[in-house]
Amino acid sequence: MKIRPVILCGGAGTRLWPKDKKHQAKQFINFGNWTLLGKTLERIKTSIFDDPIISTNSKYLKQVKQHLKKHKIGKFKIVLEPVKRNTAPAILSTALIKDIPNEQPLMFLAADHLIEKVGLLNKAIKKNQKKLTQNNIFIFGIKPTMPSSEFGYFLTKKNKVFRFVEKPKEAKAKQIISKKGYWNSGMFYLRKDSIINNFKKYQANIFRNCSKAVSKAKYKSNVYYLNKQAFTKAAAKSFDYAILEKTKEINTGNEEVHGEFIGMIKLSDRGTEIFKEHFHRLKKIYWNKPFQRAKIFQKAYLTDFIQELVDIGIKVHCVIIESGWKEIDTVEDYKKALVGFNKKFTKS
C-alpha cells in the first residue's frame, strides 16, 4: 500500500498580524520562482506516495489550488478548516475522511519546510513502513546545530522516544544536546487506525467533535468543507501536546532529517543598489549554467549569491545571535517575548 502524504498548510495557529490583509504566509512567499509549498509538492512526486491531501483554510484555498495546478498534481483532496484549532484537530480531521483506508500509512508534512536531502528522507519513510502498527507513531529528528530555546527537543533510547522537552531554556538545551537529543522536525508518520486509537484514548473531546465535523462535511470539487459548528467545539491543541506527550508508543529510526532554515537579510539603500547591480550582471553570465553550489543559476539559493559577493570582495556583514532571540510567529509568541525582554521594548 502506498503512503498517503498529508500537507499541513496554514491551519496551525494565529498569525502575528491577523488583521494585515497583505500578509503573505511563509509557504507562499516567492523566493525566485519557487515557494516552500511548491518544494513540498515536488517532494511527494515519487512512487512511494499516494495522491496528496492538503489541510488548509478558506484564506489559502485559492493559492493552494494554484500551486497544485502549477506543479501538475491533478489528483488530490483538500480538507478545509472553518476555523483554526491547531494541529491536533487538523491532523485528525484529515485522517478521518473516507478516501483513506484504515491501515494506510500517513506522512504528515509541514508546507513551509525546506528539506535538503529528500532521497534520504524518503528512504527512511519507506524503510520504516513495515514497523507501523495500530498504535505507534514515528517521528523524525533534526540534529541541532546550536542550543536554542526556540525549538522542541526529544531524547531517544534504542529507537524509542522517551522524553519530549518543549522549548527549553538555553542551558537546558545544551544538556539535551550533550545527551544526543534532537530537534523535533514536526513531521509525523503513522497509520490511520493509529491516529484514531490515540485520539480515542487521549483526546475524547477532539475525536468526538472532529468525527462530527467530517461526517457532516460538504464535499465539492475535491474539497471537504468541515462542519463549522462541530469543528469549533474541538479543543484547540497541538498534536505534540495532545498526543505525543502522552503516548509511550513513539519510535524513531537512526536517520536524521537534513533541512534548512529560511533566514533574512537587511540592506541599506546603497546595499540594495549593489545587490541589484550584481544580480543582473550574474544573471546574464550564468543563466542556465552552474553557479556556486547550484546546478543552474535559476536554482541558486540566496546563500549562493551572498557567497559570490564575498568571493568578489563585496563587504557582507554577518550578525550572529547565539542567545537572547525569540522566534515570533504568533500573537502568543509575541506576548512571551515581551515578558523576557526589557520593558523598554513594550513602549510604543
C-alpha atoms as a PDB file:
ATOM      1  CA  MET A   1       0.000   0.000   0.000  1.00  0.00           C
ATOM      2  CA  LYS A   2       1.293   3.436  -0.917  1.00  0.00           C
ATOM      3  CA  ILE A   3       1.939   6.120   1.691  1.00  0.00           C
ATOM      4  CA  ARG A   4      -0.517   8.994   1.764  1.00  0.00           C
ATOM      5  CA  PRO A   5       1.190  12.394   2.102  1.00  0.00           C
ATOM      6  CA  VAL A   6      -0.775  14.941   4.133  1.00  0.00           C
ATOM      7  CA  ILE A   7       0.412  18.543   3.895  1.00  0.00           C
ATOM      8  CA  LEU A   8      -0.474  20.899   6.744  1.00  0.00           C
ATOM      9  CA  CYS A   9      -0.804  24.248   5.018  1.00  0.00           C
ATOM     10  CA  GLY A  10      -1.871  27.209   7.127  1.00  0.00           C
ATOM     11  CA  GLY A  11      -4.223  25.616   9.603  1.00  0.00           C
ATOM     12  CA  ALA A  12      -1.969  25.700  12.664  1.00  0.00           C
ATOM     13  CA  GLY A  13      -2.139  28.800  14.848  1.00  0.00           C
ATOM     14  CA  THR A  14      -2.825  32.517  14.744  1.00  0.00           C
ATOM     15  CA  ARG A  15      -0.546  34.741  12.721  1.00  0.00           C
ATOM     16  CA  LEU A  16       1.301  37.627  14.332  1.00  0.00           C
ATOM     17  CA  TRP A  17      -0.597  40.238  12.324  1.00  0.00           C
ATOM     18  CA  PRO A  18      -4.051  38.668  11.790  1.00  0.00           C
ATOM     19  CA  LYS A  19      -5.573  41.991  10.651  1.00  0.00           C
ATOM     20  CA  ASP A  20      -2.976  42.592   7.965  1.00  0.00           C
ATOM     21  CA  LYS A  21      -4.729  41.639   4.738  1.00  0.00           C
ATOM     22  CA  LYS A  22      -1.480  41.943   2.781  1.00  0.00           C
ATOM     23  CA  HIS A  23       0.298  39.364   4.935  1.00  0.00           C
ATOM     24  CA  GLN A  24       1.768  36.503   2.940  1.00  0.00           C
ATOM     25  CA  ALA A  25       2.136  33.165   4.718  1.00  0.00           C
ATOM     26  CA  LYS A  26       5.672  31.780   4.579  1.00  0.00           C
ATOM     27  CA  GLN A  27       4.746  28.736   2.485  1.00  0.00           C
ATOM     28  CA  PHE A  28       3.513  31.004  -0.344  1.00  0.00           C
ATOM     29  CA  ILE A  29       6.373  33.530  -0.458  1.00  0.00           C
ATOM     30  CA  ASN A  30       8.050  33.613  -3.858  1.00  0.00           C
ATOM     31  CA  PHE A  31      11.792  33.099  -3.309  1.00  0.00           C
ATOM     32  CA  GLY A  32      12.602  33.488  -7.005  1.00  0.00           C
ATOM     33  CA  ASN A  33      10.131  31.358  -8.958  1.00  0.00           C
ATOM     34  CA  TRP A  34       9.817  28.814  -6.146  1.00  0.00           C
ATOM     35  CA  THR A  35       7.903  28.571  -2.875  1.00  0.00           C
ATOM     36  CA  LEU A  36       8.149  26.283   0.128  1.00  0.00           C
ATOM     37  CA  LEU A  37       4.757  24.725  -0.676  1.00  0.00           C
ATOM     38  CA  GLY A  38       5.948  24.141  -4.227  1.00  0.00           C
ATOM     39  CA  LYS A  39       9.061  22.372  -2.942  1.00  0.00           C
ATOM     40  CA  THR A  40       6.865  20.221  -0.691  1.00  0.00           C
ATOM     41  CA  LEU A  41       4.603  19.234  -3.594  1.00  0.00           C
ATOM     42  CA  GLU A  42       7.618  18.291  -5.707  1.00  0.00           C
ATOM     43  CA  ARG A  43       8.982  16.085  -2.885  1.00  0.00           C
ATOM     44  CA  ILE A  44       5.912  13.865  -2.935  1.00  0.00           C
ATOM     45  CA  LYS A  45       6.155  13.115  -6.664  1.00  0.00           C
ATOM     46  CA  THR A  46       7.745   9.706  -6.101  1.00  0.00           C
ATOM     47  CA  SER A  47       6.444   6.161  -6.468  1.00  0.00           C
ATOM     48  CA  ILE A  48       6.165   5.575  -2.708  1.00  0.00           C
ATOM     49  CA  PHE A  49       3.458   8.231  -2.307  1.00  0.00           C
ATOM     50  CA  ASP A  50      -0.267   8.139  -2.997  1.00  0.00           C
ATOM     51  CA  ASP A  51      -2.272  11.200  -4.095  1.00  0.00           C
ATOM     52  CA  PRO A  52      -1.821  14.065  -1.596  1.00  0.00           C
ATOM     53  CA  ILE A  53      -4.234  15.543   0.888  1.00  0.00           C
ATOM     54  CA  ILE A  54      -3.840  19.180   1.902  1.00  0.00           C
ATOM     55  CA  SER A  55      -5.224  20.576   5.145  1.00  0.00           C
ATOM     56  CA  THR A  56      -5.777  24.327   4.875  1.00  0.00           C
ATOM     57  CA  ASN A  57      -8.356  27.086   5.350  1.00  0.00           C
ATOM     58  CA  SER A  58     -10.542  29.248   3.115  1.00  0.00           C
ATOM     59  CA  LYS A  59      -7.998  32.108   3.124  1.00  0.00           C
ATOM     60  CA  TYR A  60      -5.406  29.913   1.388  1.00  0.00           C
ATOM     61  CA  LEU A  61      -7.677  27.719  -0.754  1.00  0.00           C
ATOM     62  CA  LYS A  62      -7.127  29.680  -3.976  1.00  0.00           C
ATOM     63  CA  GLN A  63      -3.338  29.716  -3.556  1.00  0.00           C
ATOM     64  CA  VAL A  64      -3.252  26.001  -2.750  1.00  0.00           C
ATOM     65  CA  LYS A  65      -5.208  25.199  -5.918  1.00  0.00           C
ATOM     66  CA  GLN A  66      -2.888  27.425  -7.954  1.00  0.00           C
ATOM     67  CA  HIS A  67       0.134  25.540  -6.607  1.00  0.00           C
ATOM     68  CA  LEU A  68      -1.433  22.150  -7.361  1.00  0.00           C
ATOM     69  CA  LYS A  69      -2.115  23.242 -10.937  1.00  0.00           C
ATOM     70  CA  LYS A  70       1.364  24.739 -11.407  1.00  0.00           C
ATOM     71  CA  HIS A  71       3.031  21.539 -10.190  1.00  0.00           C
ATOM     72  CA  LYS A  72       0.736  19.376 -12.325  1.00  0.00           C
ATOM     73  CA  ILE A  73      -0.901  17.457  -9.488  1.00  0.00           C
ATOM     74  CA  GLY A  74      -4.331  16.516 -10.815  1.00  0.00           C
ATOM     75  CA  LYS A  75      -5.435  14.004  -8.186  1.00  0.00           C
ATOM     76  CA  PHE A  76      -5.755  15.391  -4.666  1.00  0.00           C
ATOM     77  CA  LYS A  77      -8.121  16.106  -1.797  1.00  0.00           C
ATOM     78  CA  ILE A  78      -8.322  19.297   0.248  1.00  0.00           C
ATOM     79  CA  VAL A  79      -9.706  19.397   3.784  1.00  0.00           C
ATOM     80  CA  LEU A  80     -10.854  22.909   4.622  1.00  0.00           C
ATOM     81  CA  GLU A  81     -10.885  24.034   8.245  1.00  0.00           C
ATOM     82  CA  PRO A  82     -13.635  26.575   9.018  1.00  0.00           C
ATOM     83  CA  VAL A  83     -11.660  27.958  11.988  1.00  0.00           C
ATOM     84  CA  LYS A  84      -8.129  27.433  13.273  1.00  0.00           C
ATOM     85  CA  ARG A  85      -7.942  24.856  16.085  1.00  0.00           C
ATOM     86  CA  ASN A  86      -4.214  23.968  15.956  1.00  0.00           C
ATOM     87  CA  THR A  87      -2.558  20.809  14.589  1.00  0.00           C
ATOM     88  CA  ALA A  88      -4.331  18.095  16.607  1.00  0.00           C
ATOM     89  CA  PRO A  89      -7.827  18.718  15.143  1.00  0.00           C
ATOM     90  CA  ALA A  90      -6.296  19.399  11.724  1.00  0.00           C
ATOM     91  CA  ILE A  91      -4.436  16.077  11.677  1.00  0.00           C
ATOM     92  CA  LEU A  92      -7.354  14.015  12.972  1.00  0.00           C
ATOM     93  CA  SER A  93      -9.959  15.567  10.659  1.00  0.00           C
ATOM     94  CA  THR A  94      -7.777  14.942   7.625  1.00  0.00           C
ATOM     95  CA  ALA A  95      -7.218  11.317   8.611  1.00  0.00           C
ATOM     96  CA  LEU A  96     -10.937  10.657   9.101  1.00  0.00           C
ATOM     97  CA  ILE A  97     -12.041  11.311   5.515  1.00  0.00           C
ATOM     98  CA  LYS A  98     -13.370   8.227   3.726  1.00  0.00           C
ATOM     99  CA  ASP A  99     -10.729   8.332   0.979  1.00  0.00           C
ATOM    100  CA  ILE A 100      -8.121   6.859   3.350  1.00  0.00           C
ATOM    101  CA  PRO A 101      -8.189   3.093   4.121  1.00  0.00           C
ATOM    102  CA  ASN A 102      -7.996   2.236   7.803  1.00  0.00           C
ATOM    103  CA  GLU A 103      -4.475   0.793   7.696  1.00  0.00           C
ATOM    104  CA  GLN A 104      -2.935   3.188   5.181  1.00  0.00           C
ATOM    105  CA  PRO A 105       0.307   4.879   6.335  1.00  0.00           C
ATOM    106  CA  LEU A 106       0.096   8.669   6.517  1.00  0.00           C
ATOM    107  CA  MET A 107       3.073  11.010   6.313  1.00  0.00           C
ATOM    108  CA  PHE A 108       2.253  14.436   7.744  1.00  0.00           C
ATOM    109  CA  LEU A 109       4.406  17.199   6.282  1.00  0.00           C
ATOM    110  CA  ALA A 110       4.559  20.920   7.007  1.00  0.00           C
ATOM    111  CA  ALA A 111       4.054  23.133   3.950  1.00  0.00           C
ATOM    112  CA  ASP A 112       6.838  25.505   4.998  1.00  0.00           C
ATOM    113  CA  HIS A 113       9.736  23.055   5.437  1.00  0.00           C
ATOM    114  CA  LEU A 114      12.753  23.018   3.155  1.00  0.00           C
ATOM    115  CA  ILE A 115      14.318  19.552   3.123  1.00  0.00           C
ATOM    116  CA  GLU A 116      17.907  19.288   1.919  1.00  0.00           C
ATOM    117  CA  LYS A 117      18.308  15.541   1.297  1.00  0.00           C
ATOM    118  CA  VAL A 118      14.932  14.348   0.033  1.00  0.00           C
ATOM    119  CA  GLY A 119      16.220  10.939  -1.040  1.00  0.00           C
ATOM    120  CA  LEU A 120      17.407  10.076   2.476  1.00  0.00           C
ATOM    121  CA  LEU A 121      14.082  11.136   3.989  1.00  0.00           C
ATOM    122  CA  ASN A 122      12.050   9.074   1.506  1.00  0.00           C
ATOM    123  CA  LYS A 123      14.327   6.086   2.085  1.00  0.00           C
ATOM    124  CA  ALA A 124      13.720   6.337   5.840  1.00  0.00           C
ATOM    125  CA  ILE A 125       9.963   6.626   5.287  1.00  0.00           C
ATOM    126  CA  LYS A 126       9.857   3.504   3.124  1.00  0.00           C
ATOM    127  CA  LYS A 127      12.235   1.582   5.399  1.00  0.00           C
ATOM    128  CA  ASN A 128      10.038   2.081   8.482  1.00  0.00           C
ATOM    129  CA  GLN A 129       6.685   1.438   6.793  1.00  0.00           C
ATOM    130  CA  LYS A 130       6.517  -2.209   7.927  1.00  0.00           C
ATOM    131  CA  LYS A 131       7.144  -1.156  11.521  1.00  0.00           C
ATOM    132  CA  LEU A 132       3.937   0.891  11.731  1.00  0.00           C
ATOM    133  CA  THR A 133       1.195  -0.573  13.937  1.00  0.00           C
ATOM    134  CA  GLN A 134      -2.314   0.324  15.065  1.00  0.00           C
ATOM    135  CA  ASN A 135      -0.861   2.297  17.977  1.00  0.00           C
ATOM    136  CA  ASN A 136       2.633   3.597  17.284  1.00  0.00           C
ATOM    137  CA  ILE A 137       3.916   6.851  15.791  1.00  0.00           C
ATOM    138  CA  PHE A 138       7.197   7.556  14.004  1.00  0.00           C
ATOM    139  CA  ILE A 139       8.808  10.983  14.209  1.00  0.00           C
ATOM    140  CA  PHE A 140      11.952  12.372  12.585  1.00  0.00           C
ATOM    141  CA  GLY A 141      14.705  14.330  14.290  1.00  0.00           C
ATOM    142  CA  ILE A 142      16.991  17.128  13.158  1.00  0.00           C
ATOM    143  CA  LYS A 143      20.488  17.182  14.616  1.00  0.00           C
ATOM    144  CA  PRO A 144      20.788  20.510  16.485  1.00  0.00           C
ATOM    145  CA  THR A 145      23.331  22.991  15.185  1.00  0.00           C
ATOM    146  CA  MET A 146      23.180  25.104  18.347  1.00  0.00           C
ATOM    147  CA  PRO A 147      21.448  25.158  21.750  1.00  0.00           C
ATOM    148  CA  SER A 148      18.249  27.097  21.105  1.00  0.00           C
ATOM    149  CA  SER A 149      15.221  27.763  23.296  1.00  0.00           C
ATOM    150  CA  GLU A 150      13.062  28.213  20.202  1.00  0.00           C
ATOM    151  CA  PHE A 151      12.634  24.537  19.253  1.00  0.00           C
ATOM    152  CA  GLY A 152      11.187  21.382  20.753  1.00  0.00           C
ATOM    153  CA  TYR A 153      13.573  18.506  21.527  1.00  0.00           C
ATOM    154  CA  PHE A 154      13.291  14.780  22.131  1.00  0.00           C
ATOM    155  CA  LEU A 155      15.550  12.112  23.591  1.00  0.00           C
ATOM    156  CA  THR A 156      15.728   8.505  22.422  1.00  0.00           C
ATOM    157  CA  LYS A 157      16.901   5.118  23.626  1.00  0.00           C
ATOM    158  CA  LYS A 158      17.087   2.151  21.247  1.00  0.00           C
ATOM    159  CA  ASN A 159      14.996   3.991  18.639  1.00  0.00           C
ATOM    160  CA  LYS A 160      12.244   4.752  21.161  1.00  0.00           C
ATOM    161  CA  VAL A 161      11.424   8.307  22.209  1.00  0.00           C
ATOM    162  CA  PHE A 162      11.317   8.517  25.993  1.00  0.00           C
ATOM    163  CA  ARG A 163      11.153  12.255  26.566  1.00  0.00           C
ATOM    164  CA  PHE A 164       9.914  15.446  24.920  1.00  0.00           C
ATOM    165  CA  VAL A 165      11.102  18.895  26.001  1.00  0.00           C
ATOM    166  CA  GLU A 166       9.217  21.824  24.501  1.00  0.00           C
ATOM    167  CA  LYS A 167      11.308  24.993  24.009  1.00  0.00           C
ATOM    168  CA  PRO A 168      13.718  24.619  26.953  1.00  0.00           C
ATOM    169  CA  LYS A 169      15.981  27.389  28.237  1.00  0.00           C
ATOM    170  CA  GLU A 170      19.392  27.574  26.589  1.00  0.00           C
ATOM    171  CA  ALA A 171      21.209  25.892  29.489  1.00  0.00           C
ATOM    172  CA  LYS A 172      18.753  23.002  29.400  1.00  0.00           C
ATOM    173  CA  ALA A 173      19.057  22.788  25.624  1.00  0.00           C
ATOM    174  CA  LYS A 174      22.833  22.334  25.982  1.00  0.00           C
ATOM    175  CA  GLN A 175      22.234  19.413  28.361  1.00  0.00           C
ATOM    176  CA  ILE A 176      19.812  17.804  25.921  1.00  0.00           C
ATOM    177  CA  ILE A 177      22.252  18.153  23.034  1.00  0.00           C
ATOM    178  CA  SER A 178      25.026  16.635  25.164  1.00  0.00           C
ATOM    179  CA  LYS A 179      22.754  13.595  25.590  1.00  0.00           C
ATOM    180  CA  LYS A 180      22.372  13.347  21.800  1.00  0.00           C
ATOM    181  CA  GLY A 181      18.909  14.869  21.734  1.00  0.00           C
ATOM    182  CA  TYR A 182      17.242  16.001  18.515  1.00  0.00           C
ATOM    183  CA  TRP A 183      15.140  18.915  17.388  1.00  0.00           C
ATOM    184  CA  ASN A 184      11.595  17.781  16.662  1.00  0.00           C
ATOM    185  CA  SER A 185      11.122  18.171  12.896  1.00  0.00           C
ATOM    186  CA  GLY A 186       7.338  18.416  13.145  1.00  0.00           C
ATOM    187  CA  MET A 187       6.820  15.539  10.692  1.00  0.00           C
ATOM    188  CA  PHE A 188       4.671  12.613  11.827  1.00  0.00           C
ATOM    189  CA  TYR A 189       4.383   9.138  10.304  1.00  0.00           C
ATOM    190  CA  LEU A 190       1.645   6.713  11.355  1.00  0.00           C
ATOM    191  CA  ARG A 191      -1.312   4.659  10.147  1.00  0.00           C
ATOM    192  CA  LYS A 192      -4.875   5.947  10.059  1.00  0.00           C
ATOM    193  CA  ASP A 193      -6.008   3.435  12.695  1.00  0.00           C
ATOM    194  CA  SER A 194      -3.190   4.593  14.988  1.00  0.00           C
ATOM    195  CA  ILE A 195      -4.425   8.181  14.766  1.00  0.00           C
ATOM    196  CA  ILE A 196      -7.942   7.085  15.602  1.00  0.00           C
ATOM    197  CA  ASN A 197      -6.868   4.861  18.503  1.00  0.00           C
ATOM    198  CA  ASN A 198      -4.621   7.510  20.053  1.00  0.00           C
ATOM    199  CA  PHE A 199      -7.241  10.243  19.867  1.00  0.00           C
ATOM    200  CA  LYS A 200      -9.918   7.939  21.292  1.00  0.00           C
ATOM    201  CA  LYS A 201      -7.599   7.150  24.194  1.00  0.00           C
ATOM    202  CA  TYR A 202      -6.123  10.564  24.978  1.00  0.00           C
ATOM    203  CA  GLN A 203      -8.367  13.218  23.408  1.00  0.00           C
ATOM    204  CA  ALA A 204     -12.020  12.176  23.514  1.00  0.00           C
ATOM    205  CA  ASN A 205     -13.293  15.732  23.005  1.00  0.00           C
ATOM    206  CA  ILE A 206     -11.275  16.274  19.840  1.00  0.00           C
ATOM    207  CA  PHE A 207     -12.180  12.837  18.468  1.00  0.00           C
ATOM    208  CA  ARG A 208     -15.910  13.301  19.083  1.00  0.00           C
ATOM    209  CA  ASN A 209     -16.159  16.768  17.548  1.00  0.00           C
ATOM    210  CA  CYS A 210     -13.828  16.138  14.613  1.00  0.00           C
ATOM    211  CA  SER A 211     -15.761  12.975  13.761  1.00  0.00           C
ATOM    212  CA  LYS A 212     -18.945  15.061  13.594  1.00  0.00           C
ATOM    213  CA  ALA A 213     -17.192  17.779  11.585  1.00  0.00           C
ATOM    214  CA  VAL A 214     -16.130  15.209   8.977  1.00  0.00           C
ATOM    215  CA  SER A 215     -19.388  13.237   8.859  1.00  0.00           C
ATOM    216  CA  LYS A 216     -21.354  16.485   8.367  1.00  0.00           C
ATOM    217  CA  ALA A 217     -18.833  17.980   5.925  1.00  0.00           C
ATOM    218  CA  LYS A 218     -19.894  19.170   2.487  1.00  0.00           C
ATOM    219  CA  TYR A 219     -17.891  17.849  -0.460  1.00  0.00           C
ATOM    220  CA  LYS A 220     -17.424  19.689  -3.738  1.00  0.00           C
ATOM    221  CA  SER A 221     -14.706  19.640  -6.412  1.00  0.00           C
ATOM    222  CA  ASN A 222     -12.208  17.606  -4.348  1.00  0.00           C
ATOM    223  CA  VAL A 223     -12.688  19.822  -1.283  1.00  0.00           C
ATOM    224  CA  TYR A 224     -14.124  18.746   2.079  1.00  0.00           C
ATOM    225  CA  TYR A 225     -15.730  21.708   3.856  1.00  0.00           C
ATOM    226  CA  LEU A 226     -15.708  20.662   7.521  1.00  0.00           C
ATOM    227  CA  ASN A 227     -18.809  21.408   9.589  1.00  0.00           C
ATOM    228  CA  LYS A 228     -18.065  24.643  11.435  1.00  0.00           C
ATOM    229  CA  GLN A 229     -20.328  24.076  14.443  1.00  0.00           C
ATOM    230  CA  ALA A 230     -18.755  20.732  15.309  1.00  0.00           C
ATOM    231  CA  PHE A 231     -15.162  21.663  14.458  1.00  0.00           C
ATOM    232  CA  THR A 232     -15.283  24.800  16.609  1.00  0.00           C
ATOM    233  CA  LYS A 233     -16.091  22.645  19.652  1.00  0.00           C
ATOM    234  CA  ALA A 234     -12.879  20.617  19.254  1.00  0.00           C
ATOM    235  CA  ALA A 235     -10.243  21.599  21.807  1.00  0.00           C
ATOM    236  CA  ALA A 236      -7.504  23.751  20.252  1.00  0.00           C
ATOM    237  CA  LYS A 237      -4.360  21.729  20.959  1.00  0.00           C
ATOM    238  CA  SER A 238      -1.143  20.966  19.149  1.00  0.00           C
ATOM    239  CA  PHE A 239      -0.514  17.359  18.111  1.00  0.00           C
ATOM    240  CA  ASP A 240       2.629  17.372  20.269  1.00  0.00           C
ATOM    241  CA  TYR A 241       0.713  18.310  23.411  1.00  0.00           C
ATOM    242  CA  ALA A 242      -2.432  16.316  22.657  1.00  0.00           C
ATOM    243  CA  ILE A 243      -0.815  13.012  21.665  1.00  0.00           C
ATOM    244  CA  LEU A 244       2.989  12.896  21.588  1.00  0.00           C
ATOM    245  CA  GLU A 245       3.463  13.953  25.209  1.00  0.00           C
ATOM    246  CA  LYS A 246       1.015  11.288  26.371  1.00  0.00           C
ATOM    247  CA  THR A 247       1.596   8.147  24.350  1.00  0.00           C
ATOM    248  CA  LYS A 248       4.503   5.776  25.035  1.00  0.00           C
ATOM    249  CA  GLU A 249       4.444   4.329  21.521  1.00  0.00           C
ATOM    250  CA  ILE A 250       6.751   6.755  19.724  1.00  0.00           C
ATOM    251  CA  ASN A 251       9.525   5.431  17.510  1.00  0.00           C
ATOM    252  CA  THR A 252      12.336   6.998  15.564  1.00  0.00           C
ATOM    253  CA  GLY A 253      14.837   5.489  13.170  1.00  0.00           C
ATOM    254  CA  ASN A 254      18.570   6.058  13.035  1.00  0.00           C
ATOM    255  CA  GLU A 255      18.069   8.562  10.244  1.00  0.00           C
ATOM    256  CA  GLU A 256      18.256  12.323  10.620  1.00  0.00           C
ATOM    257  CA  VAL A 257      16.327  14.880   8.608  1.00  0.00           C
ATOM    258  CA  HIS A 258      18.568  17.357   6.825  1.00  0.00           C
ATOM    259  CA  GLY A 259      16.784  20.681   6.456  1.00  0.00           C
ATOM    260  CA  GLU A 260      17.406  24.377   6.180  1.00  0.00           C
ATOM    261  CA  PHE A 261      16.019  27.487   7.839  1.00  0.00           C
ATOM    262  CA  ILE A 262      14.902  30.431   5.769  1.00  0.00           C
ATOM    263  CA  GLY A 263      16.789  33.474   7.005  1.00  0.00           C
ATOM    264  CA  MET A 264      16.541  37.171   6.247  1.00  0.00           C
ATOM    265  CA  ILE A 265      18.943  39.867   5.098  1.00  0.00           C
ATOM    266  CA  LYS A 266      18.773  43.619   5.663  1.00  0.00           C
ATOM    267  CA  LEU A 267      20.007  46.049   3.009  1.00  0.00           C
ATOM    268  CA  SER A 268      20.725  49.757   3.106  1.00  0.00           C
ATOM    269  CA  ASP A 269      19.735  51.897   0.111  1.00  0.00           C
ATOM    270  CA  ARG A 270      23.281  51.613  -1.243  1.00  0.00           C
ATOM    271  CA  GLY A 271      23.320  47.881  -0.433  1.00  0.00           C
ATOM    272  CA  THR A 272      20.124  47.416  -2.407  1.00  0.00           C
ATOM    273  CA  GLU A 273      21.666  49.059  -5.458  1.00  0.00           C
ATOM    274  CA  ILE A 274      24.788  46.867  -5.176  1.00  0.00           C
ATOM    275  CA  PHE A 275      22.647  43.758  -4.773  1.00  0.00           C
ATOM    276  CA  LYS A 276      20.538  44.543  -7.846  1.00  0.00           C
ATOM    277  CA  GLU A 277      23.547  45.507  -9.943  1.00  0.00           C
ATOM    278  CA  HIS A 278      25.399  42.244  -9.316  1.00  0.00           C
ATOM    279  CA  PHE A 279      22.277  40.104  -9.562  1.00  0.00           C
ATOM    280  CA  HIS A 280      21.533  41.305 -13.093  1.00  0.00           C
ATOM    281  CA  ARG A 281      25.199  41.025 -14.065  1.00  0.00           C
ATOM    282  CA  LEU A 282      25.444  37.439 -12.812  1.00  0.00           C
ATOM    283  CA  LYS A 283      22.115  36.524 -14.352  1.00  0.00           C
ATOM    284  CA  LYS A 284      23.440  37.402 -17.824  1.00  0.00           C
ATOM    285  CA  ILE A 285      26.591  35.338 -17.258  1.00  0.00           C
ATOM    286  CA  TYR A 286      25.227  32.227 -15.512  1.00  0.00           C
ATOM    287  CA  TRP A 287      21.649  31.794 -16.779  1.00  0.00           C
ATOM    288  CA  ASN A 288      21.147  28.054 -17.455  1.00  0.00           C
ATOM    289  CA  LYS A 289      24.722  27.467 -16.260  1.00  0.00           C
ATOM    290  CA  PRO A 290      26.234  26.182 -12.958  1.00  0.00           C
ATOM    291  CA  PHE A 291      26.520  28.872 -10.300  1.00  0.00           C
ATOM    292  CA  GLN A 292      28.258  28.333  -6.943  1.00  0.00           C
ATOM    293  CA  ARG A 293      26.593  25.204  -5.453  1.00  0.00           C
ATOM    294  CA  ALA A 294      23.591  25.313  -7.783  1.00  0.00           C
ATOM    295  CA  LYS A 295      23.357  23.199 -10.932  1.00  0.00           C
ATOM    296  CA  ILE A 296      21.993  26.227 -12.785  1.00  0.00           C
ATOM    297  CA  PHE A 297      21.615  29.889 -11.833  1.00  0.00           C
ATOM    298  CA  GLN A 298      17.791  29.670 -11.632  1.00  0.00           C
ATOM    299  CA  LYS A 299      18.030  27.146  -8.790  1.00  0.00           C
ATOM    300  CA  ALA A 300      20.593  29.028  -6.722  1.00  0.00           C
ATOM    301  CA  TYR A 301      19.824  29.948  -3.115  1.00  0.00           C
ATOM    302  CA  LEU A 302      20.332  33.347  -1.557  1.00  0.00           C
ATOM    303  CA  THR A 303      23.363  31.922   0.248  1.00  0.00           C
ATOM    304  CA  ASP A 304      24.961  31.130  -3.142  1.00  0.00           C
ATOM    305  CA  PHE A 305      24.550  34.730  -4.204  1.00  0.00           C
ATOM    306  CA  ILE A 306      25.963  36.045  -0.929  1.00  0.00           C
ATOM    307  CA  GLN A 307      28.952  33.720  -1.303  1.00  0.00           C
ATOM    308  CA  GLU A 308      29.565  35.157  -4.786  1.00  0.00           C
ATOM    309  CA  LEU A 309      29.526  38.691  -3.387  1.00  0.00           C
ATOM    310  CA  VAL A 310      32.046  37.695  -0.737  1.00  0.00           C
ATOM    311  CA  ASP A 311      34.257  35.997  -3.353  1.00  0.00           C
ATOM    312  CA  ILE A 312      34.487  39.170  -5.459  1.00  0.00           C
ATOM    313  CA  GLY A 313      35.281  41.358  -2.454  1.00  0.00           C
ATOM    314  CA  ILE A 314      31.905  42.882  -1.581  1.00  0.00           C
ATOM    315  CA  LYS A 315      31.675  43.527   2.160  1.00  0.00           C
ATOM    316  CA  VAL A 316      28.865  41.478   3.704  1.00  0.00           C
ATOM    317  CA  HIS A 317      28.355  41.943   7.421  1.00  0.00           C
ATOM    318  CA  CYS A 318      27.071  38.959   9.407  1.00  0.00           C
ATOM    319  CA  VAL A 319      25.342  39.396  12.751  1.00  0.00           C
ATOM    320  CA  ILE A 320      25.500  36.170  14.779  1.00  0.00           C
ATOM    321  CA  ILE A 321      22.862  35.903  17.505  1.00  0.00           C
ATOM    322  CA  GLU A 322      23.663  32.974  19.788  1.00  0.00           C
ATOM    323  CA  SER A 323      21.143  33.753  22.532  1.00  0.00           C
ATOM    324  CA  GLY A 324      18.550  36.238  23.662  1.00  0.00           C
ATOM    325  CA  TRP A 325      16.491  35.938  20.477  1.00  0.00           C
ATOM    326  CA  LYS A 326      12.898  34.853  20.012  1.00  0.00           C
ATOM    327  CA  GLU A 327      11.120  33.241  17.088  1.00  0.00           C
ATOM    328  CA  ILE A 328       7.816  35.116  16.780  1.00  0.00           C
ATOM    329  CA  ASP A 329       5.184  33.556  14.535  1.00  0.00           C
ATOM    330  CA  THR A 330       2.048  34.082  16.611  1.00  0.00           C
ATOM    331  CA  VAL A 331       0.436  36.538  18.986  1.00  0.00           C
ATOM    332  CA  GLU A 332       1.228  34.118  21.833  1.00  0.00           C
ATOM    333  CA  ASP A 333       4.926  34.119  20.869  1.00  0.00           C
ATOM    334  CA  TYR A 334       4.902  37.927  20.849  1.00  0.00           C
ATOM    335  CA  LYS A 335       3.416  38.111  24.354  1.00  0.00           C
ATOM    336  CA  LYS A 336       6.010  35.670  25.694  1.00  0.00           C
ATOM    337  CA  ALA A 337       8.805  37.683  24.096  1.00  0.00           C
ATOM    338  CA  LEU A 338       7.639  40.874  25.790  1.00  0.00           C
ATOM    339  CA  VAL A 339       7.931  39.197  29.185  1.00  0.00           C
ATOM    340  CA  GLY A 340      11.507  38.108  28.518  1.00  0.00           C
ATOM    341  CA  PHE A 341      12.820  41.322  27.001  1.00  0.00           C
ATOM    342  CA  ASN A 342      13.464  44.641  28.707  1.00  0.00           C
ATOM    343  CA  LYS A 343      10.340  46.686  29.443  1.00  0.00           C
ATOM    344  CA  LYS A 344      11.522  49.421  27.094  1.00  0.00           C
ATOM    345  CA  PHE A 345      10.532  47.200  24.177  1.00  0.00           C
ATOM    346  CA  THR A 346       6.899  47.310  25.306  1.00  0.00           C
ATOM    347  CA  LYS A 347       6.640  51.066  24.927  1.00  0.00           C
ATOM    348  CA  SER A 348       5.190  52.229  21.653  1.00  0.00           C
END
